[in-house]
Amino acid sequence: MGGTQTLWDNIFGYEELKNKARILAGIPDNILIIGESGVGKRLFAEAIHNQSARKDGPFITIEIPSKKYRCF
């Protein structure tokens, strides 16, 4: 994907969430994004990274597969 603007443009709707994400891009802390599969977590994370002071560093994702537990 292209630069920051392209990433934000690829996120349709969610204007309030995008505004909060832009604010988060300005803080030096790490961010944990959680949610169901396929909701756009990686797209948000990459857009935040590319707008942050760390944009010239590597973008690293850690995927933790969900486990479904059954109670007996």
C-alpha atoms as a PDB file:
ATOM      1  CA  MET A   1       0.000   0.000   0.000  1.00  0.00           C
ATOM      2  CA  GLY A   2       0.986   3.586  -0.383  1.00  0.00           C
ATOM      3  CA  GLY A   3       1.450   6.332   2.155  1.00  0.00           C
ATOM      4  CA  THR A   4      -0.568   7.300   5.185  1.00  0.00           C
ATOM      5  CA  GLN A   5      -3.307   9.106   3.261  1.00  0.00           C
ATOM      6  CA  THR A   6      -3.917   6.072   1.073  1.00  0.00           C
ATOM      7  CA  LEU A   7      -4.301   3.868   4.142  1.00  0.00           C
ATOM      8  CA  TRP A   8      -6.785   6.224   5.794  1.00  0.00           C
ATOM      9  CA  ASP A   9      -8.686   6.469   2.506  1.00  0.00           C
ATOM     10  CA  ASN A  10      -8.966   2.662   2.410  1.00  0.00           C
ATOM     11  CA  ILE A  11     -10.868   2.661   5.706  1.00  0.00           C
ATOM     12  CA  PHE A  12     -14.453   3.427   4.763  1.00  0.00           C
ATOM     13  CA  GLY A  13     -16.738   4.964   7.361  1.00  0.00           C
ATOM     14  CA  TYR A  14     -15.713   4.812  11.017  1.00  0.00           C
ATOM     15  CA  GLU A  15     -14.889   8.539  11.051  1.00  0.00           C
ATOM     16  CA  GLU A  16     -14.948   8.781  14.858  1.00  0.00           C
ATOM     17  CA  LEU A  17     -12.652   5.764  15.176  1.00  0.00           C
ATOM     18  CA  LYS A  18     -10.287   7.120  12.507  1.00  0.00           C
ATOM     19  CA  ASN A  19     -10.082  10.441  14.364  1.00  0.00           C
ATOM     20  CA  LYS A  20      -9.195   8.613  17.598  1.00  0.00           C
ATOM     21  CA  ALA A  21      -6.607   6.532  15.739  1.00  0.00           C
ATOM     22  CA  ARG A  22      -4.982   9.688  14.349  1.00  0.00           C
ATOM     23  CA  ILE A  23      -4.676  10.987  17.922  1.00  0.00           C
ATOM     24  CA  LEU A  24      -3.132   7.685  19.033  1.00  0.00           C
ATOM     25  CA  ALA A  25      -0.551   8.009  16.254  1.00  0.00           C
ATOM     26  CA  GLY A  26       0.804  11.052  18.081  1.00  0.00           C
ATOM     27  CA  ILE A  27       1.605   9.293  21.352  1.00  0.00           C
ATOM     28  CA  PRO A  28       4.818   7.334  21.976  1.00  0.00           C
ATOM     29  CA  ASP A  29       3.125   4.361  23.659  1.00  0.00           C
ATOM     30  CA  ASN A  30       2.516   0.944  22.139  1.00  0.00           C
ATOM     31  CA  ILE A  31      -1.044   0.178  21.084  1.00  0.00           C
ATOM     32  CA  LEU A  32      -2.878  -3.136  21.315  1.00  0.00           C
ATOM     33  CA  ILE A  33      -5.705  -3.486  18.816  1.00  0.00           C
ATOM     34  CA  ILE A  34      -8.141  -6.317  19.428  1.00  0.00           C
ATOM     35  CA  GLY A  35     -11.215  -7.448  17.553  1.00  0.00           C
ATOM     36  CA  GLU A  36     -12.757 -10.173  15.501  1.00  0.00           C
ATOM     37  CA  SER A  37     -11.096 -11.551  12.402  1.00  0.00           C
ATOM     38  CA  GLY A  38     -11.581  -9.468   9.275  1.00  0.00           C
ATOM     39  CA  VAL A  39     -12.615  -6.165  10.879  1.00  0.00           C
ATOM     40  CA  GLY A  40      -9.586  -4.153   9.701  1.00  0.00           C
ATOM     41  CA  LYS A  41      -7.265  -4.220  12.709  1.00  0.00           C
ATOM     42  CA  ARG A  42      -4.138  -4.499  10.566  1.00  0.00           C
ATOM     43  CA  LEU A  43      -5.233  -1.663   8.266  1.00  0.00           C
ATOM     44  CA  PHE A  44      -5.791   0.626  11.271  1.00  0.00           C
ATOM     45  CA  ALA A  45      -2.486  -0.449  12.827  1.00  0.00           C
ATOM     46  CA  GLU A  46      -0.544   0.251   9.648  1.00  0.00           C
ATOM     47  CA  ALA A  47      -2.220   3.638   9.165  1.00  0.00           C
ATOM     48  CA  ILE A  48      -1.415   4.587  12.778  1.00  0.00           C
ATOM     49  CA  HIS A  49       2.194   3.422  12.360  1.00  0.00           C
ATOM     50  CA  ASN A  50       2.661   5.363   9.125  1.00  0.00           C
ATOM     51  CA  GLN A  51       1.422   8.568  10.755  1.00  0.00           C
ATOM     52  CA  SER A  52       3.511   8.116  13.911  1.00  0.00           C
ATOM     53  CA  ALA A  53       7.040   9.222  14.758  1.00  0.00           C
ATOM     54  CA  ARG A  54       8.045   5.564  14.213  1.00  0.00           C
ATOM     55  CA  LYS A  55       7.002   5.589  10.548  1.00  0.00           C
ATOM     56  CA  ASP A  56      10.580   5.116   9.340  1.00  0.00           C
ATOM     57  CA  GLY A  57      11.002   2.017  11.519  1.00  0.00           C
ATOM     58  CA  PRO A  58       9.695  -1.467  10.796  1.00  0.00           C
ATOM     59  CA  PHE A  59       5.982  -2.243  10.985  1.00  0.00           C
ATOM     60  CA  ILE A  60       5.726  -5.465  12.963  1.00  0.00           C
ATOM     61  CA  THR A  61       2.522  -7.377  13.597  1.00  0.00           C
ATOM     62  CA  ILE A  62       2.012 -10.227  16.006  1.00  0.00           C
ATOM     63  CA  GLU A  63      -0.937 -12.444  15.278  1.00  0.00           C
ATOM     64  CA  ILE A  64      -2.251 -14.529  18.123  1.00  0.00           C
ATOM     65  CA  PRO A  65      -4.711 -17.130  16.881  1.00  0.00           C
ATOM     66  CA  SER A  66      -7.899 -17.292  18.837  1.00  0.00           C
ATOM     67  CA  LYS A  67      -8.674 -20.480  20.653  1.00  0.00           C
ATOM     68  CA  LYS A  68     -12.212 -21.668  21.053  1.00  0.00           C
ATOM     69  CA  TYR A  69     -12.728 -23.347  24.372  1.00  0.00           C
ATOM     70  CA  ARG A  70     -15.480 -25.775  25.125  1.00  0.00           C
ATOM     71  CA  CYS A  71     -16.851 -26.192  28.593  1.00  0.00           C
ATOM     72  CA  PHE A  72     -17.824 -29.710  29.550  1.00  0.00           C
END
